[in-house]
Amino acid sequence: MEKELIINSTPTDVEIALLEDSKLVEIHYQKTNTNFTVGDIFLGRIKKLMPGLNAAFVDIGHKKDAFLHYTDLGPRLKSLLKFTQCSIDGTQNSPLLDNFKIEADILKTGKVDQVLDKRQNILVQVLKEPISTKGPRLSCEITIPGRYIVLTPFNEMVAVSKKIGNEDERERLRKLVESIRPKNFGIIVRTAAEGKKVADLHEELNGMMQKWEQIHSQLHKSEAPLKLLSELDKASSILRDVLNDSFNKIVVNDKELFTNVKDYMGTIAPAQMKIVKQHRSGRPIFEAYGVNRQIKSSFGKTATMPSGAYLVIEHTEAMHVIDVNSGHKVSHGDQADAILAVNMESAEEISRQLRLRDIGGIIIIDFIDMRVPDHKKALIQKMRDCMRTDRAQHTILPLSKFGLMQITRQRVRPEVKINTAEICPSCKGSGKVTPSILLTDDIQRDLEFIMQSRPNARLTLKVHPYVASYLQQGWINQQMKWYFKFFQWVKINSEPEYQLTEYTFYDHNDDEVRLN
């Protein structure tokens, strides 16, 4: 599978498109003035304790207080609170935890008001961005992620990704990480670490320890709310999480961002620096690589597939509902096989839509009813295979007796919504147009106005092909009448993309002549 990352940078935001085999599978937006993102670490202050919800609201500088549930506090909360306060006071002089006494774990079934106090300082990490009316969601289980490993303070845990299937390799990585792990720090080994040498992991670990030292130094005599550590920008974080040997192109349109991405690639994968290219064409980068066309065809209520089958995607407050429709496809051949083919194609498109729109929470899919048990098993396996490349945590349940499939997918940020509808250029969104019989009168009136102010103008009129034919019909046509009246030849060009009543005047420099 070939992967391409297309990055479009503007003064206000960065748009990132991930393509797999030239098909758009993920689209990300990042505002350049965003205050925080998932993974940022803050010094917050407890604003309110809610025993009924078993949660606390924390001030981290956002307009809405962030939500911290008891289950997200983590068992080592007391150690985290002690380290935070001692670092602020200056009694914790070192960021290392060699001589730090780890406190007892909190109870899994405890209450928030038993372990936290109002106005208490607390070290937190953003777990989810604000969604709808909710503020950010936080966690006290601090993690510092890298490409190969994830650093977790205040524990001794060493874990290896389940996606590394070879037991010998898992054991090798476990022993290797154990030999370089600092005291009272845990390490999670990511899938990308498979086959890597100790030098690669040790170098990344040193960089992560420097980030922890940065957090510690900023805590000294600081006041909440305060951002202590920012997650990588969106482009770099995607590279860190998804970059592998199947990437064959990374294209950036902004020179500064191109330099940043290339420098980052030099630190995580020097051998692949050559795949980073700068887009220098005059065409917009998303146009040049066909991203805009795929966005237009992929978003909206309905998603159509090559066979003619289509999906209807509806959003409710509680869940997303997807209905599979066959279109005209099941009218030929064996009906059971035709239905299976539509459902299998739909499973592939649904998995892409979930990633592309970043749909999270509960998803209910109404596939076309199937009677053959083997077909149902094949569909479930197909969906699991298609979802295997999805980085978000998800669970897929078998088809219910009503033919419905239930999926839960991790939601960490709002769903991507792109309005692909365009305002009608004829009616300007009003739903009404001027009488078409008066179109030539309108053109004549505008032409007279232009000729009064610019009598020597060499004009070109662009209109719909039907209108162009009408204006040029006959020997003494409308075009000839304008010539006899204004003593200037008005060139008429057909524009198939124009609406029937749409027209525009251009001067000899091909600049639009604006009438208002």
Protein backbone atom coordinates (compact mmCIF):
# COMPACT_ATOMS: atom_id res chain seq x y z
CA MET A 1 0.00 0.00 0.00
CA GLU A 2 1.39 3.39 -1.02
CA LYS A 3 0.80 6.33 1.30
CA GLU A 4 1.01 10.03 0.52
CA LEU A 5 0.77 12.96 2.93
CA ILE A 6 -0.36 16.22 1.29
CA ILE A 7 0.03 19.31 3.51
CA ASN A 8 -1.65 22.61 2.62
CA SER A 9 -0.51 25.52 4.81
CA THR A 10 -2.30 28.90 4.89
CA PRO A 11 -1.79 31.91 7.21
CA THR A 12 -4.68 30.77 9.43
CA ASP A 13 -4.56 26.96 9.42
CA VAL A 14 -2.89 23.80 8.18
CA GLU A 15 -4.83 21.13 6.24
CA ILE A 16 -3.36 17.63 6.05
CA ALA A 17 -4.64 14.89 3.74
CA LEU A 18 -3.54 11.27 4.08
CA LEU A 19 -3.94 9.22 0.90
CA GLU A 20 -3.65 5.43 0.68
CA ASP A 21 -3.31 4.14 -2.90
CA SER A 22 -4.41 7.64 -4.05
CA LYS A 23 -7.65 7.37 -2.04
CA LEU A 24 -8.32 9.99 0.67
CA VAL A 25 -8.64 8.26 4.06
CA GLU A 26 -7.92 11.02 6.61
CA ILE A 27 -8.25 14.79 6.61
CA HIS A 28 -6.93 16.91 9.51
CA TYR A 29 -7.25 20.62 10.26
CA GLN A 30 -5.15 22.60 12.69
CA LYS A 31 -5.65 26.29 13.40
CA THR A 32 -2.35 28.13 13.73
CA ASN A 33 -3.67 29.95 16.83
CA THR A 34 -4.98 26.83 18.60
CA ASN A 35 -4.38 27.09 22.36
CA PHE A 36 -4.12 23.38 22.95
CA THR A 37 -4.48 19.97 21.42
CA VAL A 38 -4.72 16.35 22.55
CA GLY A 39 -1.51 15.42 24.40
CA ASP A 40 -0.68 18.88 25.78
CA ILE A 41 0.35 18.90 29.45
CA PHE A 42 -0.89 21.66 31.79
CA LEU A 43 -0.59 22.76 35.38
CA GLY A 44 -4.27 23.16 36.27
CA ARG A 45 -6.23 24.16 39.34
CA ILE A 46 -9.28 22.34 40.72
CA LYS A 47 -12.26 24.68 40.34
CA LYS A 48 -15.11 22.46 41.49
CA LEU A 49 -15.59 18.96 42.91
CA MET A 50 -18.69 17.08 41.81
CA PRO A 51 -19.18 14.01 44.09
CA GLY A 52 -22.40 13.10 42.25
CA LEU A 53 -20.46 12.71 38.98
CA ASN A 54 -17.35 11.49 40.86
CA ALA A 55 -15.41 14.07 38.87
CA ALA A 56 -13.74 17.48 39.12
CA PHE A 57 -13.72 20.55 36.89
CA VAL A 58 -10.24 21.95 36.30
CA ASP A 59 -9.12 25.38 35.09
CA ILE A 60 -6.47 24.99 32.37
CA GLY A 61 -7.05 28.37 30.71
CA HIS A 62 -9.83 27.28 28.35
CA LYS A 63 -13.11 29.21 28.20
CA LYS A 64 -14.83 26.10 29.58
CA ASP A 65 -13.46 24.27 32.61
CA ALA A 66 -11.99 20.89 31.69
CA PHE A 67 -13.54 17.65 32.94
CA LEU A 68 -11.52 15.18 35.03
CA HIS A 69 -13.26 11.94 36.01
CA TYR A 70 -12.09 9.74 38.89
CA THR A 71 -11.32 6.87 36.49
CA ASP A 72 -8.85 9.14 34.66
CA LEU A 73 -6.91 10.05 37.79
CA GLY A 74 -4.74 6.94 37.59
CA PRO A 75 -3.59 4.79 40.52
CA ARG A 76 -0.46 6.91 41.13
CA LEU A 77 -2.35 10.17 41.71
CA LYS A 78 -0.83 10.77 45.15
CA SER A 79 2.70 10.52 43.71
CA LEU A 80 1.77 12.94 40.91
CA LEU A 81 0.29 15.50 43.35
CA LYS A 82 3.32 15.22 45.63
CA PHE A 83 5.79 15.69 42.75
CA THR A 84 3.79 18.66 41.40
CA GLN A 85 3.61 20.53 44.71
CA CYS A 86 7.22 19.77 45.68
CA SER A 87 8.41 20.99 42.25
CA ILE A 88 6.44 24.23 42.67
CA ASP A 89 7.82 24.74 46.21
CA GLY A 90 11.36 23.91 45.13
CA THR A 91 11.79 20.95 47.48
CA GLN A 92 11.93 18.55 44.51
CA ASN A 93 15.25 19.66 43.01
CA SER A 94 15.66 16.93 40.40
CA PRO A 95 13.36 15.83 37.57
CA LEU A 96 14.66 12.27 38.06
CA LEU A 97 12.68 10.01 40.35
CA ASP A 98 15.59 7.90 41.68
CA ASN A 99 15.17 9.22 45.22
CA PHE A 100 11.48 10.04 44.96
CA LYS A 101 9.27 8.00 47.28
CA ILE A 102 6.30 6.58 45.36
CA GLU A 103 3.07 6.95 47.34
CA ALA A 104 0.43 4.25 47.76
CA ASP A 105 -2.09 3.76 44.96
CA ILE A 106 -5.56 5.27 45.29
CA LEU A 107 -8.60 2.99 45.40
CA LYS A 108 -10.20 2.07 42.07
CA THR A 109 -13.65 2.51 43.63
CA GLY A 110 -12.88 5.68 45.61
CA LYS A 111 -14.52 9.10 45.54
CA VAL A 112 -13.07 12.24 44.01
CA ASP A 113 -13.56 14.37 47.14
CA GLN A 114 -11.47 11.87 49.11
CA VAL A 115 -8.34 12.42 46.99
CA LEU A 116 -8.64 15.99 45.66
CA ASP A 117 -9.25 19.38 47.25
CA LYS A 118 -10.74 22.54 45.79
CA ARG A 119 -8.15 25.04 44.40
CA GLN A 120 -5.47 22.33 44.49
CA ASN A 121 -2.74 22.43 41.82
CA ILE A 122 -2.66 19.35 39.61
CA LEU A 123 -0.64 18.12 36.62
CA VAL A 124 -2.98 17.06 33.80
CA GLN A 125 -2.86 16.02 30.14
CA VAL A 126 -5.55 16.74 27.51
CA LEU A 127 -7.29 13.47 26.65
CA LYS A 128 -10.05 14.81 24.37
CA GLU A 129 -10.63 18.14 22.67
CA PRO A 130 -13.84 20.07 23.39
CA ILE A 131 -16.76 18.37 21.64
CA SER A 132 -20.13 20.10 21.21
CA THR A 133 -20.99 21.80 24.53
CA LYS A 134 -18.37 19.90 26.54
CA GLY A 135 -15.01 21.27 27.60
CA PRO A 136 -11.72 19.36 27.24
CA ARG A 137 -11.40 16.00 28.98
CA LEU A 138 -8.29 15.43 31.08
CA SER A 139 -6.20 12.61 32.46
CA CYS A 140 -3.65 12.50 35.29
CA GLU A 141 -1.90 9.47 33.79
CA ILE A 142 0.82 11.53 32.12
CA THR A 143 2.44 10.07 29.00
CA ILE A 144 5.21 11.49 26.79
CA PRO A 145 4.92 9.75 23.39
CA GLY A 146 7.72 9.14 20.91
CA ARG A 147 7.89 7.22 17.67
CA TYR A 148 9.19 3.98 19.22
CA ILE A 149 8.28 4.25 22.91
CA VAL A 150 5.97 6.07 25.32
CA LEU A 151 7.31 7.30 28.68
CA THR A 152 5.02 7.04 31.75
CA PRO A 153 6.26 8.57 35.05
CA PHE A 154 5.62 7.14 38.54
CA ASN A 155 5.44 3.45 37.66
CA GLU A 156 7.72 0.53 36.82
CA MET A 157 5.65 -0.95 34.01
CA VAL A 158 7.20 -2.21 30.76
CA ALA A 159 4.65 -3.13 28.07
CA VAL A 160 5.06 -4.14 24.42
CA SER A 161 2.50 -3.45 21.69
CA LYS A 162 0.21 -6.41 20.99
CA LYS A 163 0.65 -5.77 17.26
CA ILE A 164 4.19 -7.16 17.54
CA GLY A 165 3.28 -10.82 17.13
CA ASN A 166 6.71 -12.48 17.29
CA GLU A 167 7.23 -13.65 20.89
CA ASP A 168 11.04 -13.64 20.61
CA GLU A 169 10.98 -10.04 19.36
CA ARG A 170 8.64 -9.04 22.18
CA GLU A 171 10.97 -10.56 24.75
CA ARG A 172 14.02 -8.92 23.15
CA LEU A 173 12.38 -5.50 23.27
CA ARG A 174 11.18 -6.04 26.84
CA LYS A 175 14.71 -6.88 28.07
CA LEU A 176 16.26 -4.09 26.01
CA VAL A 177 13.89 -1.44 27.39
CA GLU A 178 14.28 -2.73 30.93
CA SER A 179 18.04 -2.17 30.68
CA ILE A 180 17.69 1.55 29.76
CA ARG A 181 14.56 2.45 31.78
CA PRO A 182 15.09 5.17 34.42
CA LYS A 183 13.96 4.30 37.95
CA ASN A 184 10.25 4.95 38.66
CA PHE A 185 9.49 5.50 34.97
CA GLY A 186 7.45 3.05 32.91
CA ILE A 187 7.85 2.48 29.17
CA ILE A 188 5.36 1.31 26.54
CA VAL A 189 7.00 -0.08 23.39
CA ARG A 190 5.18 0.90 20.18
CA THR A 191 4.80 -1.21 17.05
CA ALA A 192 7.32 0.93 15.14
CA ALA A 193 10.08 -0.27 17.53
CA GLU A 194 10.04 -3.76 16.01
CA GLY A 195 13.56 -4.64 14.84
CA LYS A 196 15.14 -1.44 16.21
CA LYS A 197 18.49 -1.36 18.00
CA VAL A 198 19.10 -0.24 21.58
CA ALA A 199 20.83 2.94 20.33
CA ASP A 200 17.66 4.08 18.52
CA LEU A 201 15.47 3.56 21.58
CA HIS A 202 18.02 5.09 23.97
CA GLU A 203 18.37 8.21 21.82
CA GLU A 204 14.59 8.71 21.79
CA LEU A 205 14.37 8.04 25.54
CA ASN A 206 16.94 10.79 26.18
CA GLY A 207 14.82 13.23 24.17
CA MET A 208 11.73 12.31 26.17
CA MET A 209 13.57 12.72 29.48
CA GLN A 210 14.56 16.22 28.33
CA LYS A 211 10.86 17.00 27.90
CA TRP A 212 10.19 15.74 31.44
CA GLU A 213 13.02 17.99 32.71
CA GLN A 214 11.37 20.89 30.87
CA ILE A 215 8.08 20.19 32.69
CA HIS A 216 9.88 20.05 36.05
CA SER A 217 11.80 23.30 35.51
CA GLN A 218 8.64 25.20 34.47
CA LEU A 219 6.76 24.04 37.57
CA HIS A 220 9.12 25.93 39.93
CA LYS A 221 7.21 28.86 41.49
CA SER A 222 4.59 28.74 38.72
CA GLU A 223 0.87 29.47 39.01
CA ALA A 224 -1.99 27.63 37.37
CA PRO A 225 -3.26 27.60 34.69
CA LEU A 226 -0.05 27.11 32.69
CA LYS A 227 0.83 25.07 29.61
CA LEU A 228 3.98 23.07 30.36
CA LEU A 229 4.44 20.96 27.24
CA SER A 230 2.89 21.20 23.78
CA GLU A 231 2.19 18.21 21.61
CA LEU A 232 3.90 18.26 18.22
CA ASP A 233 2.19 20.19 15.47
CA LYS A 234 -0.39 18.13 13.60
CA ALA A 235 1.88 17.30 10.65
CA SER A 236 4.72 16.06 12.85
CA SER A 237 2.44 14.07 15.16
CA ILE A 238 0.88 12.26 12.17
CA LEU A 239 4.35 11.49 10.84
CA ARG A 240 5.40 10.16 14.23
CA ASP A 241 2.35 7.89 14.51
CA VAL A 242 1.84 6.59 10.96
CA LEU A 243 5.18 6.88 9.14
CA ASN A 244 6.47 3.56 7.82
CA ASP A 245 8.27 2.17 4.80
CA SER A 246 5.10 2.27 2.68
CA PHE A 247 5.16 6.09 2.61
CA ASN A 248 6.37 7.21 -0.78
CA LYS A 249 5.60 10.93 -0.82
CA ILE A 250 5.17 13.87 1.56
CA VAL A 251 4.33 17.13 -0.23
CA VAL A 252 4.23 20.55 1.48
CA ASN A 253 3.28 23.85 -0.14
CA ASP A 254 4.79 26.20 2.48
CA LYS A 255 8.56 26.74 2.52
CA GLU A 256 8.87 27.18 6.30
CA LEU A 257 6.69 24.15 7.09
CA PHE A 258 8.59 22.16 4.44
CA THR A 259 11.83 22.91 6.30
CA ASN A 260 10.28 21.94 9.65
CA VAL A 261 8.91 18.65 8.29
CA LYS A 262 12.23 17.81 6.62
CA ASP A 263 14.14 18.56 9.85
CA TYR A 264 11.74 16.37 11.83
CA MET A 265 12.09 13.58 9.27
CA GLY A 266 15.86 13.91 9.70
CA THR A 267 15.48 13.07 13.39
CA ILE A 268 13.00 10.17 13.13
CA ALA A 269 13.80 8.63 9.73
CA PRO A 270 16.87 10.12 8.00
CA ALA A 271 16.73 7.47 5.25
CA GLN A 272 13.31 8.75 4.13
CA MET A 273 14.12 12.46 3.95
CA LYS A 274 14.14 12.26 0.15
CA ILE A 275 10.38 11.63 0.02
CA VAL A 276 9.66 15.13 1.40
CA LYS A 277 8.94 17.49 -1.51
CA GLN A 278 7.95 21.14 -1.76
CA HIS A 279 4.99 21.94 -4.02
CA ARG A 280 6.06 24.74 -6.37
CA SER A 281 3.30 24.65 -9.00
CA GLY A 282 0.94 27.59 -9.45
CA ARG A 283 -2.05 25.28 -8.94
CA PRO A 284 -3.29 24.89 -5.34
CA ILE A 285 -1.75 21.75 -3.82
CA PHE A 286 -5.11 20.09 -3.03
CA GLU A 287 -6.24 20.67 -6.62
CA ALA A 288 -3.02 19.28 -8.08
CA TYR A 289 -3.31 16.01 -6.12
CA GLY A 290 -7.07 15.59 -6.52
CA VAL A 291 -7.82 16.06 -2.81
CA ASN A 292 -10.50 18.72 -3.28
CA ARG A 293 -12.41 16.51 -5.72
CA GLN A 294 -12.37 13.61 -3.24
CA ILE A 295 -13.49 15.89 -0.40
CA LYS A 296 -16.44 17.09 -2.50
CA SER A 297 -17.46 13.52 -3.33
CA SER A 298 -16.88 12.00 0.13
CA PHE A 299 -18.61 14.41 2.50
CA GLY A 300 -22.28 15.22 2.83
CA LYS A 301 -25.24 13.07 3.83
CA THR A 302 -24.78 10.59 0.96
CA ALA A 303 -21.59 8.77 -0.10
CA THR A 304 -21.80 7.00 -3.48
CA MET A 305 -19.59 4.01 -4.40
CA PRO A 306 -18.30 3.04 -7.88
CA SER A 307 -20.90 0.28 -8.28
CA GLY A 308 -23.78 2.71 -7.84
CA ALA A 309 -24.57 1.56 -4.30
CA TYR A 310 -24.55 4.37 -1.73
CA LEU A 311 -24.46 5.10 1.99
CA VAL A 312 -26.72 7.49 3.89
CA ILE A 313 -24.92 8.80 6.98
CA GLU A 314 -27.01 10.43 9.71
CA HIS A 315 -25.81 11.99 12.97
CA THR A 316 -27.89 12.06 16.14
CA GLU A 317 -27.00 13.26 19.63
CA ALA A 318 -26.42 9.71 20.85
CA MET A 319 -24.94 7.91 17.82
CA HIS A 320 -24.24 7.81 14.10
CA VAL A 321 -26.49 5.73 11.85
CA ILE A 322 -25.38 4.44 8.44
CA ASP A 323 -27.85 2.93 5.96
CA VAL A 324 -26.57 0.82 3.06
CA ASN A 325 -28.54 1.12 -0.19
CA SER A 326 -27.95 -1.06 -3.22
CA GLY A 327 -29.04 1.40 -5.90
CA HIS A 328 -29.54 -0.62 -9.09
CA LYS A 329 -26.88 -3.27 -8.43
CA VAL A 330 -28.96 -6.18 -7.07
CA SER A 331 -31.16 -6.40 -10.15
CA HIS A 332 -28.89 -8.83 -12.05
CA GLY A 333 -27.66 -12.38 -11.41
CA ASP A 334 -27.95 -14.31 -8.15
CA GLN A 335 -29.55 -12.02 -5.59
CA ALA A 336 -27.72 -13.39 -2.51
CA ASP A 337 -24.30 -12.97 -4.15
CA ALA A 338 -25.22 -9.50 -5.41
CA ILE A 339 -26.29 -8.43 -1.91
CA LEU A 340 -23.05 -9.81 -0.46
CA ALA A 341 -21.02 -7.89 -3.06
CA VAL A 342 -22.79 -4.62 -2.17
CA ASN A 343 -22.31 -5.20 1.57
CA MET A 344 -18.61 -6.06 1.15
CA GLU A 345 -18.03 -2.92 -0.92
CA SER A 346 -19.97 -0.91 1.67
CA ALA A 347 -17.83 -2.28 4.52
CA GLU A 348 -14.72 -0.96 2.80
CA GLU A 349 -16.28 2.46 2.21
CA ILE A 350 -17.68 2.66 5.75
CA SER A 351 -14.26 2.00 7.27
CA ARG A 352 -12.87 4.81 5.10
CA GLN A 353 -15.70 7.17 6.05
CA LEU A 354 -15.17 6.54 9.78
CA ARG A 355 -11.51 7.52 9.46
CA LEU A 356 -12.12 10.36 7.04
CA ARG A 357 -14.86 12.05 9.11
CA ASP A 358 -13.27 10.91 12.40
CA ILE A 359 -16.63 9.58 13.54
CA GLY A 360 -16.55 8.39 17.15
CA GLY A 361 -18.92 6.99 19.77
CA ILE A 362 -21.60 4.46 18.83
CA ILE A 363 -22.11 3.67 15.13
CA ILE A 364 -25.07 1.56 13.94
CA ILE A 365 -24.89 0.15 10.39
CA ASP A 366 -27.98 -1.18 8.61
CA PHE A 367 -26.58 -3.51 5.95
CA ILE A 368 -28.82 -5.08 3.31
CA ASP A 369 -30.40 -8.21 4.83
CA MET A 370 -28.55 -11.48 4.17
CA ARG A 371 -29.96 -14.97 4.67
CA VAL A 372 -26.82 -17.04 4.19
CA PRO A 373 -24.84 -17.51 7.48
CA ASP A 374 -21.50 -17.77 5.64
CA HIS A 375 -22.17 -14.43 3.99
CA LYS A 376 -22.74 -12.84 7.41
CA LYS A 377 -19.44 -14.24 8.71
CA ALA A 378 -17.61 -13.01 5.59
CA LEU A 379 -19.03 -9.51 6.07
CA ILE A 380 -17.94 -9.34 9.72
CA GLN A 381 -14.43 -10.51 8.79
CA LYS A 382 -14.29 -7.97 5.94
CA MET A 383 -15.20 -5.12 8.29
CA ARG A 384 -12.54 -6.19 10.79
CA ASP A 385 -9.92 -6.42 8.05
CA CYS A 386 -10.82 -2.95 6.71
CA MET A 387 -10.73 -1.41 10.21
CA ARG A 388 -7.35 -2.92 11.03
CA THR A 389 -5.50 0.15 9.70
CA ASP A 390 -7.62 2.50 11.85
CA ARG A 391 -5.45 4.03 14.60
CA ALA A 392 -8.46 4.84 16.80
CA GLN A 393 -9.47 2.16 19.31
CA HIS A 394 -12.63 0.40 18.17
CA THR A 395 -14.84 -2.61 18.84
CA ILE A 396 -16.92 -4.40 16.18
CA LEU A 397 -19.85 -6.58 17.23
CA PRO A 398 -21.38 -9.33 15.05
CA LEU A 399 -24.58 -8.70 13.14
CA SER A 400 -27.67 -8.71 15.33
CA LYS A 401 -30.75 -10.76 14.43
CA PHE A 402 -32.16 -7.58 12.85
CA GLY A 403 -29.13 -7.38 10.53
CA LEU A 404 -27.57 -4.40 12.33
CA MET A 405 -23.83 -4.07 13.06
CA GLN A 406 -22.71 -2.08 16.10
CA ILE A 407 -19.31 -0.40 16.27
CA THR A 408 -17.80 1.74 18.99
CA ARG A 409 -14.91 3.97 17.99
CA GLN A 410 -12.70 6.16 20.15
CA ARG A 411 -13.59 9.84 19.98
CA VAL A 412 -10.87 12.32 20.93
CA ARG A 413 -11.87 15.37 18.86
CA PRO A 414 -14.99 16.72 17.13
CA GLU A 415 -16.18 14.99 13.97
CA VAL A 416 -14.82 16.48 10.74
CA LYS A 417 -17.70 18.23 8.97
CA ILE A 418 -17.24 19.80 5.54
CA ASN A 419 -20.19 21.41 3.80
CA THR A 420 -19.83 20.48 0.13
CA ALA A 421 -23.00 22.28 -1.00
CA GLU A 422 -22.45 25.46 -3.02
CA ILE A 423 -24.67 28.53 -3.33
CA CYS A 424 -26.45 28.52 -6.68
CA PRO A 425 -24.78 31.21 -8.82
CA SER A 426 -28.05 31.88 -10.63
CA CYS A 427 -30.33 32.58 -7.67
CA LYS A 428 -27.61 33.37 -5.06
CA GLY A 429 -29.34 31.06 -2.60
CA SER A 430 -32.78 32.69 -2.82
CA GLY A 431 -34.39 29.86 -4.81
CA LYS A 432 -35.69 32.30 -7.41
CA VAL A 433 -34.19 33.65 -10.65
CA THR A 434 -35.11 36.54 -12.90
CA PRO A 435 -37.23 35.59 -15.95
CA SER A 436 -34.93 33.99 -18.53
CA ILE A 437 -36.68 35.92 -21.30
CA LEU A 438 -35.21 39.11 -19.82
CA LEU A 439 -31.61 37.80 -19.76
CA THR A 440 -30.60 39.54 -23.01
CA ASP A 441 -32.07 42.80 -21.68
CA ASP A 442 -29.91 42.51 -18.56
CA ILE A 443 -26.79 41.84 -20.65
CA GLN A 444 -27.60 44.80 -22.93
CA ARG A 445 -28.13 47.11 -19.93
CA ASP A 446 -24.79 46.11 -18.35
CA LEU A 447 -22.98 46.45 -21.67
CA GLU A 448 -24.31 49.99 -22.14
CA PHE A 449 -23.16 50.92 -18.66
CA ILE A 450 -19.64 49.58 -19.35
CA MET A 451 -19.40 51.35 -22.70
CA GLN A 452 -20.38 54.67 -21.15
CA SER A 453 -17.52 54.48 -18.65
CA ARG A 454 -15.02 52.65 -20.90
CA PRO A 455 -15.93 53.43 -24.54
CA ASN A 456 -12.76 51.88 -26.01
CA ALA A 457 -12.86 48.69 -23.97
CA ARG A 458 -12.24 45.42 -25.81
CA LEU A 459 -14.67 43.14 -24.03
CA THR A 460 -15.29 39.41 -23.83
CA LEU A 461 -18.65 38.10 -22.69
CA LYS A 462 -18.70 34.64 -21.09
CA VAL A 463 -22.10 32.91 -21.01
CA HIS A 464 -23.71 29.48 -21.00
CA PRO A 465 -23.40 27.69 -24.42
CA TYR A 466 -27.16 27.93 -24.99
CA VAL A 467 -27.09 31.69 -24.46
CA ALA A 468 -23.98 32.05 -26.68
CA SER A 469 -25.78 30.22 -29.51
CA TYR A 470 -28.82 32.45 -29.12
CA LEU A 471 -26.76 35.66 -29.19
CA GLN A 472 -24.86 34.54 -32.32
CA GLN A 473 -27.86 33.10 -34.19
CA GLY A 474 -28.57 34.52 -37.65
CA TRP A 475 -26.77 36.95 -39.93
CA ILE A 476 -27.87 40.11 -38.14
CA ASN A 477 -27.55 38.66 -34.65
CA GLN A 478 -27.25 40.33 -31.27
CA GLN A 479 -23.45 40.42 -31.51
CA MET A 480 -23.65 42.37 -34.81
CA LYS A 481 -26.24 44.76 -33.36
CA TRP A 482 -23.85 45.59 -30.48
CA TYR A 483 -21.08 46.27 -33.00
CA PHE A 484 -23.23 48.72 -34.99
CA LYS A 485 -24.34 50.43 -31.76
CA PHE A 486 -21.01 50.73 -29.87
CA PHE A 487 -18.50 50.37 -32.76
CA GLN A 488 -16.69 47.76 -30.65
CA TRP A 489 -16.67 44.01 -31.27
CA VAL A 490 -17.77 42.10 -28.15
CA LYS A 491 -16.29 38.61 -28.22
CA ILE A 492 -18.60 35.85 -26.92
CA ASN A 493 -17.15 32.76 -25.25
CA SER A 494 -19.11 29.65 -24.21
CA GLU A 495 -18.59 28.45 -20.62
CA PRO A 496 -20.16 24.98 -20.06
CA GLU A 497 -19.77 25.33 -16.27
CA TYR A 498 -21.89 28.51 -16.14
CA GLN A 499 -25.52 28.38 -15.08
CA LEU A 500 -28.10 29.29 -17.74
CA THR A 501 -28.60 32.86 -16.48
CA GLU A 502 -24.99 33.46 -15.44
CA TYR A 503 -22.79 35.84 -17.43
CA THR A 504 -19.56 37.81 -16.89
CA PHE A 505 -17.71 40.55 -18.79
CA TYR A 506 -13.90 40.52 -19.06
CA ASP A 507 -11.52 43.19 -20.43
CA HIS A 508 -8.54 42.65 -22.79
CA ASN A 509 -6.33 41.69 -19.79
CA ASP A 510 -8.80 38.90 -18.94
CA ASP A 511 -9.76 40.72 -15.73
CA GLU A 512 -13.40 40.58 -14.71
CA VAL A 513 -15.30 43.85 -15.19
CA ARG A 514 -17.18 44.29 -11.93
CA LEU A 515 -20.46 46.18 -12.12
CA ASN A 516 -20.98 46.79 -8.39
